[in-house]
PDB file of N, CA and C in Angstrom:
ATOM      1  N   MET A   1     100.297  55.014 104.798  1.00  0.00           N
ATOM      2  CA  MET A   1     100.110  55.318 106.410  1.00  0.00           C
ATOM      3  C   MET A   1     101.097  56.658 106.295  1.00  0.00           C
ATOM      4  N   GLU A   2     102.099  56.514 105.846  1.00  0.00           N
ATOM      5  CA  GLU A   2     103.354  57.276 105.974  1.00  0.00           C
ATOM      6  C   GLU A   2     102.904  58.092 105.191  1.00  0.00           C
ATOM      7  N   ARG A   3     102.635  58.026 103.975  1.00  0.00           N
ATOM      8  CA  ARG A   3     102.360  59.443 103.142  1.00  0.00           C
ATOM      9  C   ARG A   3     100.865  60.216 103.835  1.00  0.00           C
ATOM     10  N   TYR A   4      99.691  59.371 104.614  1.00  0.00           N
ATOM     11  CA  TYR A   4      98.764  60.171 105.100  1.00  0.00           C
ATOM     12  C   TYR A   4      99.225  60.924 106.516  1.00  0.00           C
ATOM     13  N   ARG A   5     100.498  61.054 107.057  1.00  0.00           N
ATOM     14  CA  ARG A   5     101.020  61.245 108.164  1.00  0.00           C
ATOM     15  C   ARG A   5     101.829  62.638 107.881  1.00  0.00           C
ATOM     16  N   GLU A   6     102.651  62.381 106.880  1.00  0.00           N
ATOM     17  CA  GLU A   6     103.294  63.570 105.520  1.00  0.00           C
ATOM     18  C   GLU A   6     102.580  64.791 105.138  1.00  0.00           C
ATOM     19  N   GLU A   7     101.108  64.117 104.778  1.00  0.00           N
ATOM     20  CA  GLU A   7     100.129  65.041 104.512  1.00  0.00           C
ATOM     21  C   GLU A   7      99.413  66.102 105.456  1.00  0.00           C
ATOM     22  N   ARG A   8      99.471  65.154 106.708  1.00  0.00           N
ATOM     23  CA  ARG A   8      98.488  65.751 108.066  1.00  0.00           C
ATOM     24  C   ARG A   8     100.148  66.679 108.486  1.00  0.00           C
ATOM     25  N   ALA A   9     101.196  66.305 108.620  1.00  0.00           N
ATOM     26  CA  ALA A   9     101.979  67.381 109.183  1.00  0.00           C
ATOM     27  C   ALA A   9     102.228  68.481 108.049  1.00  0.00           C
ATOM     28  N   ALA A  10     102.301  68.479 106.560  1.00  0.00           N
ATOM     29  CA  ALA A  10     102.507  69.797 105.766  1.00  0.00           C
ATOM     30  C   ALA A  10     100.943  70.049 106.179  1.00  0.00           C
ATOM     31  N   LEU A  11      99.760  70.161 106.395  1.00  0.00           N
ATOM     32  CA  LEU A  11      98.676  70.362 106.683  1.00  0.00           C
ATOM     33  C   LEU A  11      98.847  71.717 107.928  1.00  0.00           C
ATOM     34  N   ALA A  12      99.136  70.897 108.515  1.00  0.00           N
ATOM     35  CA  ALA A  12      99.470  71.302 110.106  1.00  0.00           C
ATOM     36  C   ALA A  12     100.599  72.486 109.979  1.00  0.00           C
ATOM     37  N   ARG A  13     101.403  72.634 109.166  1.00  0.00           N
ATOM     38  CA  ARG A  13     102.747  73.618 108.999  1.00  0.00           C
ATOM     39  C   ARG A  13     101.938  74.697 108.219  1.00  0.00           C
ATOM     40  N   LEU A  14     101.105  74.395 107.392  1.00  0.00           N
ATOM     41  CA  LEU A  14     100.453  75.393 106.818  1.00  0.00           C
ATOM     42  C   LEU A  14      99.219  76.318 107.552  1.00  0.00           C
ATOM     43  N   ASP A  15      99.232  75.601 108.448  1.00  0.00           N
ATOM     44  CA  ASP A  15      97.803  76.166 109.393  1.00  0.00           C
ATOM     45  C   ASP A  15      98.928  76.885 110.462  1.00  0.00           C
ATOM     46  N   ARG A  16      99.689  76.925 110.729  1.00  0.00           N
ATOM     47  CA  ARG A  16     100.851  77.452 111.866  1.00  0.00           C
ATOM     48  C   ARG A  16     101.409  78.677 111.011  1.00  0.00           C
ATOM     49  N   LEU A  17     101.822  78.723 109.698  1.00  0.00           N
ATOM     50  CA  LEU A  17     102.429  79.737 108.813  1.00  0.00           C
ATOM     51  C   LEU A  17     101.308  80.435 109.073  1.00  0.00           C
ATOM     52  N   LYS A  18     100.116  80.231 108.529  1.00  0.00           N
ATOM     53  CA  LYS A  18      99.081  81.055 108.411  1.00  0.00           C
ATOM     54  C   LYS A  18      98.665  81.898 109.656  1.00  0.00           C
ATOM     55  N   ARG A  19      98.834  80.974 110.946  1.00  0.00           N
ATOM     56  CA  ARG A  19      98.472  81.530 112.180  1.00  0.00           C
ATOM     57  C   ARG A  19      99.351  82.736 112.186  1.00  0.00           C
ATOM     58  N   GLU A  20     100.548  82.397 112.192  1.00  0.00           N
ATOM     59  CA  GLU A  20     101.286  83.126 112.211  1.00  0.00           C
ATOM     60  C   GLU A  20     102.498  84.363 111.687  1.00  0.00           C
ATOM     61  N   ARG A  21     100.848  84.544 110.104  1.00  0.00           N
ATOM     62  CA  ARG A  21     101.191  85.593 109.257  1.00  0.00           C
ATOM     63  C   ARG A  21     101.883  85.330 108.494  1.00  0.00           C
ATOM     64  N   GLN A  22     102.662  84.341 108.496  1.00  0.00           N
ATOM     65  CA  GLN A  22     103.830  84.135 107.564  1.00  0.00           C
ATOM     66  C   GLN A  22     103.720  83.522 106.289  1.00  0.00           C
ATOM     67  N   LEU A  23     101.981  82.901 105.865  1.00  0.00           N
ATOM     68  CA  LEU A  23     101.472  82.917 105.167  1.00  0.00           C
ATOM     69  C   LEU A  23     100.590  83.273 104.413  1.00  0.00           C
ATOM     70  N   LEU A  24     100.378  83.967 103.486  1.00  0.00           N
ATOM     71  CA  LEU A  24      99.178  85.274 103.258  1.00  0.00           C
ATOM     72  C   LEU A  24      98.627  84.741 101.924  1.00  0.00           C
ATOM     73  N   PRO A  25      97.126  84.157 101.884  1.00  0.00           N
ATOM     74  CA  PRO A  25      96.543  84.026 100.614  1.00  0.00           C
ATOM     75  C   PRO A  25      96.939  84.996  99.314  1.00  0.00           C
ATOM     76  N   ARG A  26      96.879  84.252  98.112  1.00  0.00           N
ATOM     77  CA  ARG A  26      97.068  85.421  97.284  1.00  0.00           C
ATOM     78  C   ARG A  26      96.293  86.011  96.770  1.00  0.00           C
ATOM     79  N   ASN A  27      94.671  86.046  96.904  1.00  0.00           N
ATOM     80  CA  ASN A  27      93.825  86.883  96.622  1.00  0.00           C
ATOM     81  C   ASN A  27      94.470  88.121  97.927  1.00  0.00           C
ATOM     82  N   GLU A  28      94.529  88.046  99.174  1.00  0.00           N
ATOM     83  CA  GLU A  28      94.575  88.871  99.978  1.00  0.00           C
ATOM     84  C   GLU A  28      96.268  89.387  99.750  1.00  0.00           C
ATOM     85  N   VAL A  29      96.772  89.475  98.911  1.00  0.00           N
ATOM     86  CA  VAL A  29      98.480  89.759  98.685  1.00  0.00           C
ATOM     87  C   VAL A  29      97.635  90.541  97.025  1.00  0.00           C
ATOM     88  N   LYS A  30      97.061  90.303  96.325  1.00  0.00           N
ATOM     89  CA  LYS A  30      96.812  90.448  95.116  1.00  0.00           C
ATOM     90  C   LYS A  30      95.836  92.058  95.255  1.00  0.00           C
ATOM     91  N   GLU A  31      94.968  91.730  96.905  1.00  0.00           N
ATOM     92  CA  GLU A  31      93.970  93.184  97.013  1.00  0.00           C
ATOM     93  C   GLU A  31      95.008  94.097  97.333  1.00  0.00           C
ATOM     94  N   ALA A  32      95.378  93.827  98.191  1.00  0.00           N
ATOM     95  CA  ALA A  32      96.417  94.949  98.581  1.00  0.00           C
ATOM     96  C   ALA A  32      97.007  95.839  97.701  1.00  0.00           C
ATOM     97  N   LEU A  33      97.564  95.296  96.572  1.00  0.00           N
ATOM     98  CA  LEU A  33      98.645  95.656  96.023  1.00  0.00           C
ATOM     99  C   LEU A  33      97.763  95.919  94.939  1.00  0.00           C
ATOM    100  N   GLY A  34      96.346  96.064  94.488  1.00  0.00           N
ATOM    101  CA  GLY A  34      95.650  96.531  93.981  1.00  0.00           C
ATOM    102  C   GLY A  34      95.441  98.167  94.455  1.00  0.00           C
ATOM    103  N   ARG A  35      94.927  98.144  95.765  1.00  0.00           N
ATOM    104  CA  ARG A  35      94.939  99.262  96.953  1.00  0.00           C
ATOM    105  C   ARG A  35      96.146 100.073  96.632  1.00  0.00           C
ATOM    106  N   ILE A  36      97.152  99.731  96.753  1.00  0.00           N
ATOM    107  CA  ILE A  36      98.529 100.276  96.329  1.00  0.00           C
ATOM    108  C   ILE A  36      98.352 100.826  95.626  1.00  0.00           C
ATOM    109  N   ALA A  37      98.535 100.288  94.288  1.00  0.00           N
ATOM    110  CA  ALA A  37      98.306 100.911  92.605  1.00  0.00           C
ATOM    111  C   ALA A  37      97.359 101.901  92.723  1.00  0.00           C
ATOM    112  N   ALA A  38      96.096 101.767  93.226  1.00  0.00           N
ATOM    113  CA  ALA A  38      95.049 103.019  93.734  1.00  0.00           C
ATOM    114  C   ALA A  38      95.719 103.945  93.949  1.00  0.00           C
ATOM    115  N   VAL A  39      96.623 103.897  94.674  1.00  0.00           N
ATOM    116  CA  VAL A  39      97.173 105.329  95.765  1.00  0.00           C
ATOM    117  C   VAL A  39      98.184 106.242  94.814  1.00  0.00           C
ATOM    118  N   LEU A  40      98.798 105.212  94.102  1.00  0.00           N
ATOM    119  CA  LEU A  40      99.801 105.545  93.000  1.00  0.00           C
ATOM    120  C   LEU A  40      99.176 106.169  92.069  1.00  0.00           C
ATOM    121  N   ARG A  41      98.054 105.470  91.487  1.00  0.00           N
ATOM    122  CA  ARG A  41      97.715 106.012  90.071  1.00  0.00           C
ATOM    123  C   ARG A  41      97.017 107.909  90.768  1.00  0.00           C
ATOM    124  N   GLY A  42      96.572 107.721  91.618  1.00  0.00           N
ATOM    125  CA  GLY A  42      96.062 109.085  92.272  1.00  0.00           C
ATOM    126  C   GLY A  42      96.851 110.201  92.169  1.00  0.00           C
ATOM    127  N   ALA A  43      98.224 109.756  92.659  1.00  0.00           N
ATOM    128  CA  ALA A  43      99.528 110.606  92.461  1.00  0.00           C
ATOM    129  C   ALA A  43      99.845 110.746  91.048  1.00  0.00           C
ATOM    130  N   GLY A  44      99.658 109.912  90.339  1.00  0.00           N
ATOM    131  CA  GLY A  44     100.054 109.969  88.511  1.00  0.00           C
ATOM    132  C   GLY A  44      98.813 111.454  88.229  1.00  0.00           C
ATOM    133  N   ASP A  45      97.717 111.009  89.111  1.00  0.00           N
ATOM    134  CA  ASP A  45      96.730 112.135  87.859  1.00  0.00           C
ATOM    135  C   ASP A  45      97.374 113.536  88.500  1.00  0.00           C
ATOM    136  N   ALA A  46      97.880 113.361  90.198  1.00  0.00           N
ATOM    137  CA  ALA A  46      98.310 115.080  90.616  1.00  0.00           C
ATOM    138  C   ALA A  46      99.742 115.493  89.876  1.00  0.00           C
ATOM    139  N   GLN A  47     100.486 114.392  89.374  1.00  0.00           N
ATOM    140  CA  GLN A  47     101.504 114.689  88.580  1.00  0.00           C
ATOM    141  C   GLN A  47     101.270 115.215  87.163  1.00  0.00           C
ATOM    142  N   GLN A  48      99.953 114.777  86.876  1.00  0.00           N
ATOM    143  CA  GLN A  48      99.491 115.000  85.112  1.00  0.00           C
ATOM    144  C   GLN A  48      99.189 116.493  85.423  1.00  0.00           C
ATOM    145  N   ARG A  49      98.382 116.568  86.515  1.00  0.00           N
ATOM    146  CA  ARG A  49      97.748 118.285  86.618  1.00  0.00           C
ATOM    147  C   ARG A  49      99.178 119.216  86.806  1.00  0.00           C
ATOM    148  N   GLN A  50     100.077 118.854  87.569  1.00  0.00           N
ATOM    149  CA  GLN A  50     101.409 119.913  87.869  1.00  0.00           C
ATOM    150  C   GLN A  50     102.306 119.828  86.998  1.00  0.00           C
ATOM    151  N   PHE A  51     102.685 118.673  86.006  1.00  0.00           N
ATOM    152  CA  PHE A  51     103.604 118.799  85.359  1.00  0.00           C
ATOM    153  C   PHE A  51     103.097 117.923  84.177  1.00  0.00           C
ATOM    154  N   GLY A  52     102.336 118.052  83.931  1.00  0.00           N
ATOM    155  CA  GLY A  52     101.466 117.217  81.981  1.00  0.00           C
ATOM    156  C   GLY A  52     101.448 116.037  82.192  1.00  0.00           C
ATOM    157  N   ALA A  53     101.046 115.465  80.775  1.00  0.00           N
ATOM    158  CA  ALA A  53     100.511 113.782  80.699  1.00  0.00           C
ATOM    159  C   ALA A  53     102.078 113.138  80.584  1.00  0.00           C
ATOM    160  N   ALA A  54     102.941 113.846  80.215  1.00  0.00           N
ATOM    161  CA  ALA A  54     104.525 113.004  80.086  1.00  0.00           C
ATOM    162  C   ALA A  54     104.770 112.313  81.449  1.00  0.00           C
ATOM    163  N   ALA A  55     104.290 113.340  82.415  1.00  0.00           N
ATOM    164  CA  ALA A  55     105.180 113.070  83.626  1.00  0.00           C
ATOM    165  C   ALA A  55     104.196 111.814  84.220  1.00  0.00           C
ATOM    166  N   ALA A  56     102.663 111.759  84.050  1.00  0.00           N
ATOM    167  CA  ALA A  56     101.891 110.972  84.563  1.00  0.00           C
ATOM    168  C   ALA A  56     101.833 109.688  83.659  1.00  0.00           C
ATOM    169  N   GLU A  57     102.407 109.938  82.467  1.00  0.00           N
ATOM    170  CA  GLU A  57     102.337 108.661  81.838  1.00  0.00           C
ATOM    171  C   GLU A  57     103.772 107.569  82.026  1.00  0.00           C
ATOM    172  N   ILE A  58     104.584 107.971  82.349  1.00  0.00           N
ATOM    173  CA  ILE A  58     105.894 107.383  82.929  1.00  0.00           C
ATOM    174  C   ILE A  58     105.093 106.350  84.228  1.00  0.00           C
ATOM    175  N   LEU A  59     104.714 107.125  85.382  1.00  0.00           N
ATOM    176  CA  LEU A  59     104.174 106.399  86.102  1.00  0.00           C
ATOM    177  C   LEU A  59     103.521 105.106  85.482  1.00  0.00           C
ATOM    178  N   TYR A  60     102.090 105.312  85.239  1.00  0.00           N
ATOM    179  CA  TYR A  60     101.265 105.257  84.727  1.00  0.00           C
ATOM    180  C   TYR A  60     101.703 103.352  83.952  1.00  0.00           C
ATOM    181  N   ASP A  61     102.824 103.481  82.823  1.00  0.00           N
ATOM    182  CA  ASP A  61     103.441 102.653  82.214  1.00  0.00           C
ATOM    183  C   ASP A  61     103.908 101.676  83.441  1.00  0.00           C
ATOM    184  N   ALA A  62     105.029 102.340  84.520  1.00  0.00           N
ATOM    185  CA  ALA A  62     105.691 101.276  85.607  1.00  0.00           C
ATOM    186  C   ALA A  62     104.378 100.475  86.281  1.00  0.00           C
ATOM    187  N   LEU A  63     103.203 101.200  86.234  1.00  0.00           N
ATOM    188  CA  LEU A  63     102.019 100.698  86.904  1.00  0.00           C
ATOM    189  C   LEU A  63     101.438  99.447  85.846  1.00  0.00           C
ATOM    190  N   ASP A  64     101.582  99.746  85.280  1.00  0.00           N
ATOM    191  CA  ASP A  64     101.297  98.210  83.939  1.00  0.00           C
ATOM    192  C   ASP A  64     101.949  97.233  83.979  1.00  0.00           C
ATOM    193  N   ASP A  65     103.219  97.475  83.998  1.00  0.00           N
ATOM    194  CA  ASP A  65     104.186  96.705  83.977  1.00  0.00           C
ATOM    195  C   ASP A  65     104.555  95.901  85.282  1.00  0.00           C
ATOM    196  N   ALA A  66     103.789  96.676  86.209  1.00  0.00           N
ATOM    197  CA  ALA A  66     103.892  96.050  88.276  1.00  0.00           C
ATOM    198  C   ALA A  66     102.434  94.791  87.671  1.00  0.00           C
ATOM    199  N   GLN A  67     101.546  95.678  87.370  1.00  0.00           N
ATOM    200  CA  GLN A  67     100.305  94.608  87.000  1.00  0.00           C
ATOM    201  C   GLN A  67     100.636  93.461  86.170  1.00  0.00           C
ATOM    202  N   ARG A  68     101.505  93.445  84.792  1.00  0.00           N
ATOM    203  CA  ARG A  68     101.634  92.575  84.471  1.00  0.00           C
ATOM    204  C   ARG A  68     102.483  90.962  85.182  1.00  0.00           C
ATOM    205  N   GLU A  69     103.467  91.910  85.986  1.00  0.00           N
ATOM    206  CA  GLU A  69     104.482  91.418  86.758  1.00  0.00           C
ATOM    207  C   GLU A  69     103.678  90.496  87.624  1.00  0.00           C
ATOM    208  N   LEU A  70     102.245  90.841  88.217  1.00  0.00           N
ATOM    209  CA  LEU A  70     101.450  90.078  89.389  1.00  0.00           C
ATOM    210  C   LEU A  70     100.835  89.306  89.126  1.00  0.00           C
ATOM    211  N   ASP A  71     100.177  89.230  87.562  1.00  0.00           N
ATOM    212  CA  ASP A  71      99.476  88.175  86.930  1.00  0.00           C
ATOM    213  C   ASP A  71     100.393  87.239  86.352  1.00  0.00           C
ATOM    214  N   ARG A  72     101.645  87.246  86.268  1.00  0.00           N
ATOM    215  CA  ARG A  72     102.618  86.502  85.569  1.00  0.00           C
ATOM    216  C   ARG A  72     102.821  85.540  87.423  1.00  0.00           C
ATOM    217  N   THR A  73     103.004  86.585  88.153  1.00  0.00           N
ATOM    218  CA  THR A  73     103.801  85.982  89.453  1.00  0.00           C
ATOM    219  C   THR A  73     102.259  85.193  90.395  1.00  0.00           C
ATOM    220  N   PHE A  74     101.416  85.657  90.290  1.00  0.00           N
ATOM    221  CA  PHE A  74     100.210  85.086  91.443  1.00  0.00           C
ATOM    222  C   PHE A  74      99.057  84.724  90.174  1.00  0.00           C
ATOM    223  N   GLY A  75      99.013  84.766  89.007  1.00  0.00           N
ATOM    224  CA  GLY A  75      98.163  84.021  88.130  1.00  0.00           C
ATOM    225  C   GLY A  75      97.132  84.792  88.575  1.00  0.00           C
ATOM    226  N   GLU A  76      96.017  84.440  87.810  1.00  0.00           N
ATOM    227  CA  GLU A  76      94.677  84.575  88.375  1.00  0.00           C
ATOM    228  C   GLU A  76      94.076  83.918  89.120  1.00  0.00           C
ATOM    229  N   ALA A  77      92.951  84.548  90.165  1.00  0.00           N
ATOM    230  CA  ALA A  77      92.396  84.169  91.007  1.00  0.00           C
ATOM    231  C   ALA A  77      91.792  82.679  90.828  1.00  0.00           C
ATOM    232  N   GLN A  78      91.947  82.345  92.008  1.00  0.00           N
ATOM    233  CA  GLN A  78      91.992  80.642  92.089  1.00  0.00           C
ATOM    234  C   GLN A  78      90.138  80.768  92.539  1.00  0.00           C
ATOM    235  N   ALA A  79      89.850  79.312  92.308  1.00  0.00           N
ATOM    236  CA  ALA A  79      88.650  79.103  92.556  1.00  0.00           C
ATOM    237  C   ALA A  79      88.495  78.964  93.657  1.00  0.00           C
ATOM    238  N   ASP A  80      89.373  78.051  94.553  1.00  0.00           N
ATOM    239  CA  ASP A  80      89.380  77.947  95.953  1.00  0.00           C
ATOM    240  C   ASP A  80      89.157  79.326  96.818  1.00  0.00           C
ATOM    241  N   PRO A  81      88.325  79.405  97.817  1.00  0.00           N
ATOM    242  CA  PRO A  81      87.981  80.411  98.508  1.00  0.00           C
ATOM    243  C   PRO A  81      89.531  81.012  99.253  1.00  0.00           C
ATOM    244  N   ASP A  82      89.807  79.947 100.139  1.00  0.00           N
ATOM    245  CA  ASP A  82      90.991  79.843 100.614  1.00  0.00           C
ATOM    246  C   ASP A  82      92.617  80.101 100.242  1.00  0.00           C
ATOM    247  N   ASP A  83      92.099  79.911  98.351  1.00  0.00           N
ATOM    248  CA  ASP A  83      93.473  80.160  98.063  1.00  0.00           C
ATOM    249  C   ASP A  83      95.153  79.521  98.843  1.00  0.00           C
ATOM    250  N   ALA A  84      94.991  78.958  99.398  1.00  0.00           N
ATOM    251  CA  ALA A  84      96.687  78.353  99.825  1.00  0.00           C
ATOM    252  C   ALA A  84      97.393  78.303  98.841  1.00  0.00           C
ATOM    253  N   PRO A  85      98.298  79.264  99.392  1.00  0.00           N
ATOM    254  CA  PRO A  85      99.645  79.444  98.498  1.00  0.00           C
ATOM    255  C   PRO A  85     100.845  78.356  98.886  1.00  0.00           C
ATOM    256  N   ASP A  86     101.885  78.459  98.020  1.00  0.00           N
ATOM    257  CA  ASP A  86     102.918  77.277  98.297  1.00  0.00           C
ATOM    258  C   ASP A  86     103.816  77.947  99.436  1.00  0.00           C
ATOM    259  N   LEU A  87     104.185  76.664  99.966  1.00  0.00           N
ATOM    260  CA  LEU A  87     105.107  76.958 101.040  1.00  0.00           C
ATOM    261  C   LEU A  87     106.373  77.666 101.068  1.00  0.00           C
ATOM    262  N   PRO A  88     106.629  78.439 101.862  1.00  0.00           N
ATOM    263  CA  PRO A  88     107.957  79.412 101.293  1.00  0.00           C
ATOM    264  C   PRO A  88     109.125  78.594 101.723  1.00  0.00           C
TER     265      PRO A  88
END
């Protein structure tokens, strides 16, 4: 019975944190960061036109490194549509 109360309290805390926007689903974070990366890649295209391929390549390499870090940190998309993240 105690374990059940602990689980219900944990779920209530998760729900409260979600409502307070202190807890965000991983998929939403990854999607937002993907949109930001698209903006930065557009800036890389502009750099390439103005300063040449080498200038854009620096940015593209950094974005690739950032993508690998995101994949390592957040992993692949979860099957659960709510994709509940860990508690902070």
